[in-house]
Amino acid sequence: MANDNKQKGQIVVEYVLLMTVALSLALLIISALTKRDYDQPENSGAIMRKWFDMQKVIGADKPN
């Protein structure tokens, strides 16, 4: 019986560690993709660079 409790505790610890690693990686990836640099937009993340490019195209308002 004591061995089962130790096994359950180990599973919980492994789950918490796995979730911590997964969340850390997700936060790192998201922050890299959405980084903002208004002074130098080319240093921004990939999503923000595309957003800045879309704003420039819309702002230019070129007629068809």
PDB file of N, CA and C in Angstrom:
ATOM      1  N   MET A   1       0.807  -1.190   0.000  1.00  0.00           N
ATOM      2  CA  MET A   1       0.000   0.000   0.000  1.00  0.00           C
ATOM      3  C   MET A   1       0.856   1.262   0.000  1.00  0.00           C
ATOM      4  N   ALA A   2       1.939   1.254   0.771  1.00  0.00           N
ATOM      5  CA  ALA A   2       2.812   2.424   0.833  1.00  0.00           C
ATOM      6  C   ALA A   2       3.479   2.663  -0.512  1.00  0.00           C
ATOM      7  N   ASN A   3       3.768   1.595  -1.252  1.00  0.00           N
ATOM      8  CA  ASN A   3       4.404   1.708  -2.561  1.00  0.00           C
ATOM      9  C   ASN A   3       3.460   2.381  -3.556  1.00  0.00           C
ATOM     10  N   ASP A   4       2.148   2.094  -3.453  1.00  0.00           N
ATOM     11  CA  ASP A   4       1.172   2.720  -4.346  1.00  0.00           C
ATOM     12  C   ASP A   4       1.108   4.228  -4.111  1.00  0.00           C
ATOM     13  N   ASN A   5       1.168   4.650  -2.858  1.00  0.00           N
ATOM     14  CA  ASN A   5       1.134   6.079  -2.545  1.00  0.00           C
ATOM     15  C   ASN A   5       2.367   6.787  -3.083  1.00  0.00           C
ATOM     16  N   LYS A   6       3.521   6.131  -2.987  1.00  0.00           N
ATOM     17  CA  LYS A   6       4.748   6.735  -3.526  1.00  0.00           C
ATOM     18  C   LYS A   6       4.649   6.858  -5.038  1.00  0.00           C
ATOM     19  N   GLN A   7       4.073   5.838  -5.685  1.00  0.00           N
ATOM     20  CA  GLN A   7       3.922   5.856  -7.140  1.00  0.00           C
ATOM     21  C   GLN A   7       2.990   6.995  -7.554  1.00  0.00           C
ATOM     22  N   LYS A   8       1.891   7.178  -6.829  1.00  0.00           N
ATOM     23  CA  LYS A   8       0.952   8.264  -7.140  1.00  0.00           C
ATOM     24  C   LYS A   8       1.615   9.620  -6.962  1.00  0.00           C
ATOM     25  N   GLY A   9       2.409   9.756  -5.917  1.00  0.00           N
ATOM     26  CA  GLY A   9       3.111  11.011  -5.684  1.00  0.00           C
ATOM     27  C   GLY A   9       4.123  11.306  -6.780  1.00  0.00           C
ATOM     28  N   GLN A  10       4.802  10.265  -7.254  1.00  0.00           N
ATOM     29  CA  GLN A  10       5.783  10.445  -8.316  1.00  0.00           C
ATOM     30  C   GLN A  10       5.088  10.858  -9.612  1.00  0.00           C
ATOM     31  N   ILE A  11       3.927  10.281  -9.881  1.00  0.00           N
ATOM     32  CA  ILE A  11       3.176  10.629 -11.097  1.00  0.00           C
ATOM     33  C   ILE A  11       2.767  12.101 -11.046  1.00  0.00           C
ATOM     34  N   VAL A  12       2.332  12.553  -9.900  1.00  0.00           N
ATOM     35  CA  VAL A  12       1.916  13.957  -9.754  1.00  0.00           C
ATOM     36  C   VAL A  12       3.111  14.883  -9.970  1.00  0.00           C
ATOM     37  N   VAL A  13       4.240  14.541  -9.376  1.00  0.00           N
ATOM     38  CA  VAL A  13       5.445  15.364  -9.530  1.00  0.00           C
ATOM     39  C   VAL A  13       5.884  15.400 -10.990  1.00  0.00           C
ATOM     40  N   GLU A  14       5.859  14.264 -11.664  1.00  0.00           N
ATOM     41  CA  GLU A  14       6.241  14.226 -13.082  1.00  0.00           C
ATOM     42  C   GLU A  14       5.280  15.055 -13.928  1.00  0.00           C
ATOM     43  N   TYR A  15       3.989  14.962 -13.635  1.00  0.00           N
ATOM     44  CA  TYR A  15       2.993  15.737 -14.371  1.00  0.00           C
ATOM     45  C   TYR A  15       3.221  17.231 -14.188  1.00  0.00           C
ATOM     46  N   VAL A  16       3.455  17.663 -12.962  1.00  0.00           N
ATOM     47  CA  VAL A  16       3.685  19.085 -12.688  1.00  0.00           C
ATOM     48  C   VAL A  16       4.950  19.562 -13.394  1.00  0.00           C
ATOM     49  N   LEU A  17       6.011  18.776 -13.362  1.00  0.00           N
ATOM     50  CA  LEU A  17       7.244  19.163 -14.052  1.00  0.00           C
ATOM     51  C   LEU A  17       7.038  19.239 -15.564  1.00  0.00           C
ATOM     52  N   LEU A  18       6.309  18.272 -16.112  1.00  0.00           N
ATOM     53  CA  LEU A  18       6.033  18.272 -17.551  1.00  0.00           C
ATOM     54  C   LEU A  18       5.204  19.490 -17.946  1.00  0.00           C
ATOM     55  N   MET A  19       4.209  19.821 -17.147  1.00  0.00           N
ATOM     56  CA  MET A  19       3.392  20.997 -17.434  1.00  0.00           C
ATOM     57  C   MET A  19       4.212  22.281 -17.325  1.00  0.00           C
ATOM     58  N   THR A  20       5.122  22.339 -16.371  1.00  0.00           N
ATOM     59  CA  THR A  20       5.976  23.511 -16.215  1.00  0.00           C
ATOM     60  C   THR A  20       6.863  23.703 -17.438  1.00  0.00           C
ATOM     61  N   VAL A  21       7.444  22.619 -17.920  1.00  0.00           N
ATOM     62  CA  VAL A  21       8.301  22.703 -19.107  1.00  0.00           C
ATOM     63  C   VAL A  21       7.479  23.091 -20.328  1.00  0.00           C
ATOM     64  N   ALA A  22       6.307  22.488 -20.493  1.00  0.00           N
ATOM     65  CA  ALA A  22       5.463  22.792 -21.653  1.00  0.00           C
ATOM     66  C   ALA A  22       5.007  24.250 -21.645  1.00  0.00           C
ATOM     67  N   LEU A  23       4.590  24.745 -20.491  1.00  0.00           N
ATOM     68  CA  LEU A  23       4.154  26.138 -20.403  1.00  0.00           C
ATOM     69  C   LEU A  23       5.310  27.112 -20.636  1.00  0.00           C
ATOM     70  N   SER A  24       6.481  26.773 -20.138  1.00  0.00           N
ATOM     71  CA  SER A  24       7.649  27.627 -20.353  1.00  0.00           C
ATOM     72  C   SER A  24       7.992  27.722 -21.833  1.00  0.00           C
ATOM     73  N   LEU A  25       7.972  26.590 -22.525  1.00  0.00           N
ATOM     74  CA  LEU A  25       8.249  26.597 -23.968  1.00  0.00           C
ATOM     75  C   LEU A  25       7.182  27.381 -24.728  1.00  0.00           C
ATOM     76  N   ALA A  26       5.927  27.199 -24.357  1.00  0.00           N
ATOM     77  CA  ALA A  26       4.846  27.924 -25.027  1.00  0.00           C
ATOM     78  C   ALA A  26       4.995  29.432 -24.827  1.00  0.00           C
ATOM     79  N   LEU A  27       5.297  29.856 -23.618  1.00  0.00           N
ATOM     80  CA  LEU A  27       5.489  31.283 -23.360  1.00  0.00           C
ATOM     81  C   LEU A  27       6.676  31.841 -24.131  1.00  0.00           C
ATOM     82  N   LEU A  28       7.734  31.066 -24.222  1.00  0.00           N
ATOM     83  CA  LEU A  28       8.915  31.508 -24.961  1.00  0.00           C
ATOM     84  C   LEU A  28       8.600  31.675 -26.441  1.00  0.00           C
ATOM     85  N   ILE A  29       7.898  30.723 -27.014  1.00  0.00           N
ATOM     86  CA  ILE A  29       7.546  30.787 -28.440  1.00  0.00           C
ATOM     87  C   ILE A  29       6.589  31.941 -28.705  1.00  0.00           C
ATOM     88  N   ILE A  30       5.569  32.083 -27.877  1.00  0.00           N
ATOM     89  CA  ILE A  30       4.590  33.159 -28.076  1.00  0.00           C
ATOM     90  C   ILE A  30       5.233  34.525 -27.928  1.00  0.00           C
ATOM     91  N   SER A  31       6.097  34.678 -26.942  1.00  0.00           N
ATOM     92  CA  SER A  31       6.735  35.986 -26.761  1.00  0.00           C
ATOM     93  C   SER A  31       7.674  36.300 -27.917  1.00  0.00           C
ATOM     94  N   ALA A  32       8.314  35.287 -28.493  1.00  0.00           N
ATOM     95  CA  ALA A  32       9.194  35.531 -29.644  1.00  0.00           C
ATOM     96  C   ALA A  32       8.387  35.911 -30.879  1.00  0.00           C
ATOM     97  N   LEU A  33       7.209  35.320 -31.056  1.00  0.00           N
ATOM     98  CA  LEU A  33       6.385  35.621 -32.225  1.00  0.00           C
ATOM     99  C   LEU A  33       5.698  36.974 -32.129  1.00  0.00           C
ATOM    100  N   THR A  34       5.395  37.403 -30.921  1.00  0.00           N
ATOM    101  CA  THR A  34       4.612  38.638 -30.763  1.00  0.00           C
ATOM    102  C   THR A  34       5.426  39.794 -30.194  1.00  0.00           C
ATOM    103  N   LYS A  35       6.736  39.681 -30.192  1.00  0.00           N
ATOM    104  CA  LYS A  35       7.591  40.763 -29.683  1.00  0.00           C
ATOM    105  C   LYS A  35       7.340  42.033 -30.484  1.00  0.00           C
ATOM    106  N   ARG A  36       7.230  43.174 -29.799  1.00  0.00           N
ATOM    107  CA  ARG A  36       6.977  44.458 -30.468  1.00  0.00           C
ATOM    108  C   ARG A  36       8.179  45.371 -30.321  1.00  0.00           C
ATOM    109  N   ASP A  37       8.557  45.983 -31.423  1.00  0.00           N
ATOM    110  CA  ASP A  37       9.604  46.993 -31.408  1.00  0.00           C
ATOM    111  C   ASP A  37       9.158  48.086 -32.371  1.00  0.00           C
ATOM    112  N   TYR A  38       8.558  49.143 -31.810  1.00  0.00           N
ATOM    113  CA  TYR A  38       8.002  50.205 -32.647  1.00  0.00           C
ATOM    114  C   TYR A  38       9.084  51.035 -33.325  1.00  0.00           C
ATOM    115  N   ASP A  39      10.256  51.149 -32.713  1.00  0.00           N
ATOM    116  CA  ASP A  39      11.328  51.947 -33.300  1.00  0.00           C
ATOM    117  C   ASP A  39      11.933  51.251 -34.514  1.00  0.00           C
ATOM    118  N   GLN A  40      12.106  49.945 -34.411  1.00  0.00           N
ATOM    119  CA  GLN A  40      12.659  49.151 -35.519  1.00  0.00           C
ATOM    120  C   GLN A  40      11.763  47.930 -35.734  1.00  0.00           C
ATOM    121  N   PRO A  41      10.724  48.081 -36.567  1.00  0.00           N
ATOM    122  CA  PRO A  41       9.769  46.982 -36.753  1.00  0.00           C
ATOM    123  C   PRO A  41      10.407  45.690 -37.277  1.00  0.00           C
ATOM    124  N   GLU A  42      11.547  45.793 -37.944  1.00  0.00           N
ATOM    125  CA  GLU A  42      12.198  44.575 -38.458  1.00  0.00           C
ATOM    126  C   GLU A  42      12.747  43.711 -37.325  1.00  0.00           C
ATOM    127  N   ASN A  43      12.867  44.254 -36.118  1.00  0.00           N
ATOM    128  CA  ASN A  43      13.314  43.477 -34.963  1.00  0.00           C
ATOM    129  C   ASN A  43      12.150  42.853 -34.205  1.00  0.00           C
ATOM    130  N   SER A  44      10.924  43.082 -34.668  1.00  0.00           N
ATOM    131  CA  SER A  44       9.756  42.530 -34.000  1.00  0.00           C
ATOM    132  C   SER A  44       9.610  41.052 -34.332  1.00  0.00           C
ATOM    133  N   GLY A  45       8.688  40.394 -33.628  1.00  0.00           N
ATOM    134  CA  GLY A  45       8.400  38.993 -33.909  1.00  0.00           C
ATOM    135  C   GLY A  45       7.722  38.839 -35.257  1.00  0.00           C
ATOM    136  N   ALA A  46       7.607  37.603 -35.733  1.00  0.00           N
ATOM    137  CA  ALA A  46       7.068  37.330 -37.068  1.00  0.00           C
ATOM    138  C   ALA A  46       5.635  37.822 -37.223  1.00  0.00           C
ATOM    139  N   ILE A  47       4.806  37.592 -36.236  1.00  0.00           N
ATOM    140  CA  ILE A  47       3.412  38.027 -36.326  1.00  0.00           C
ATOM    141  C   ILE A  47       3.324  39.548 -36.345  1.00  0.00           C
ATOM    142  N   MET A  48       4.083  40.208 -35.504  1.00  0.00           N
ATOM    143  CA  MET A  48       4.032  41.669 -35.457  1.00  0.00           C
ATOM    144  C   MET A  48       4.614  42.290 -36.721  1.00  0.00           C
ATOM    145  N   ARG A  49       5.638  41.678 -37.310  1.00  0.00           N
ATOM    146  CA  ARG A  49       6.182  42.200 -38.573  1.00  0.00           C
ATOM    147  C   ARG A  49       5.123  42.169 -39.657  1.00  0.00           C
ATOM    148  N   LYS A  50       4.389  41.056 -39.754  1.00  0.00           N
ATOM    149  CA  LYS A  50       3.321  40.957 -40.762  1.00  0.00           C
ATOM    150  C   LYS A  50       2.231  41.976 -40.478  1.00  0.00           C
ATOM    151  N   TRP A  51       1.937  42.203 -39.205  1.00  0.00           N
ATOM    152  CA  TRP A  51       0.925  43.195 -38.843  1.00  0.00           C
ATOM    153  C   TRP A  51       1.368  44.596 -39.266  1.00  0.00           C
ATOM    154  N   PHE A  52       2.633  44.936 -39.004  1.00  0.00           N
ATOM    155  CA  PHE A  52       3.156  46.241 -39.419  1.00  0.00           C
ATOM    156  C   PHE A  52       3.116  46.376 -40.946  1.00  0.00           C
ATOM    157  N   ASP A  53       3.446  45.293 -41.659  1.00  0.00           N
ATOM    158  CA  ASP A  53       3.392  45.324 -43.127  1.00  0.00           C
ATOM    159  C   ASP A  53       1.967  45.547 -43.613  1.00  0.00           C
ATOM    160  N   MET A  54       1.002  44.878 -43.001  1.00  0.00           N
ATOM    161  CA  MET A  54      -0.398  45.067 -43.393  1.00  0.00           C
ATOM    162  C   MET A  54      -0.843  46.497 -43.129  1.00  0.00           C
ATOM    163  N   GLN A  55      -0.406  47.080 -42.028  1.00  0.00           N
ATOM    164  CA  GLN A  55      -0.769  48.466 -41.727  1.00  0.00           C
ATOM    165  C   GLN A  55      -0.187  49.415 -42.773  1.00  0.00           C
ATOM    166  N   LYS A  56       1.028  49.152 -43.225  1.00  0.00           N
ATOM    167  CA  LYS A  56       1.633  50.011 -44.254  1.00  0.00           C
ATOM    168  C   LYS A  56       0.864  49.919 -45.558  1.00  0.00           C
ATOM    169  N   VAL A  57       0.469  48.712 -45.948  1.00  0.00           N
ATOM    170  CA  VAL A  57      -0.274  48.528 -47.201  1.00  0.00           C
ATOM    171  C   VAL A  57      -1.631  49.213 -47.122  1.00  0.00           C
ATOM    172  N   ILE A  58      -2.325  49.026 -46.007  1.00  0.00           N
ATOM    173  CA  ILE A  58      -3.635  49.664 -45.844  1.00  0.00           C
ATOM    174  C   ILE A  58      -3.487  51.180 -45.771  1.00  0.00           C
ATOM    175  N   GLY A  59      -2.447  51.642 -45.089  1.00  0.00           N
ATOM    176  CA  GLY A  59      -2.220  53.087 -44.948  1.00  0.00           C
ATOM    177  C   GLY A  59      -1.863  53.749 -46.258  1.00  0.00           C
ATOM    178  N   ALA A  60      -1.203  53.021 -47.165  1.00  0.00           N
ATOM    179  CA  ALA A  60      -0.844  53.595 -48.467  1.00  0.00           C
ATOM    180  C   ALA A  60      -2.087  53.845 -49.305  1.00  0.00           C
ATOM    181  N   ASP A  61      -3.124  53.043 -49.115  1.00  0.00           N
ATOM    182  CA  ASP A  61      -4.429  53.209 -49.798  1.00  0.00           C
ATOM    183  C   ASP A  61      -4.268  53.423 -51.300  1.00  0.00           C
ATOM    184  N   LYS A  62      -3.575  52.498 -51.929  1.00  0.00           N
ATOM    185  CA  LYS A  62      -3.392  52.584 -53.387  1.00  0.00           C
ATOM    186  C   LYS A  62      -4.669  52.202 -54.102  1.00  0.00           C
ATOM    187  N   PRO A  63      -5.137  53.055 -55.024  1.00  0.00           N
ATOM    188  CA  PRO A  63      -6.351  52.714 -55.764  1.00  0.00           C
ATOM    189  C   PRO A  63      -6.064  51.608 -56.795  1.00  0.00           C
ATOM    190  N   ASN A  64      -7.058  50.824 -57.052  1.00  0.00           N
ATOM    191  CA  ASN A  64      -6.908  49.739 -58.034  1.00  0.00           C
ATOM    192  C   ASN A  64      -7.042  50.245 -59.432  1.00  0.00           C
TER     193      ASN A  64
END
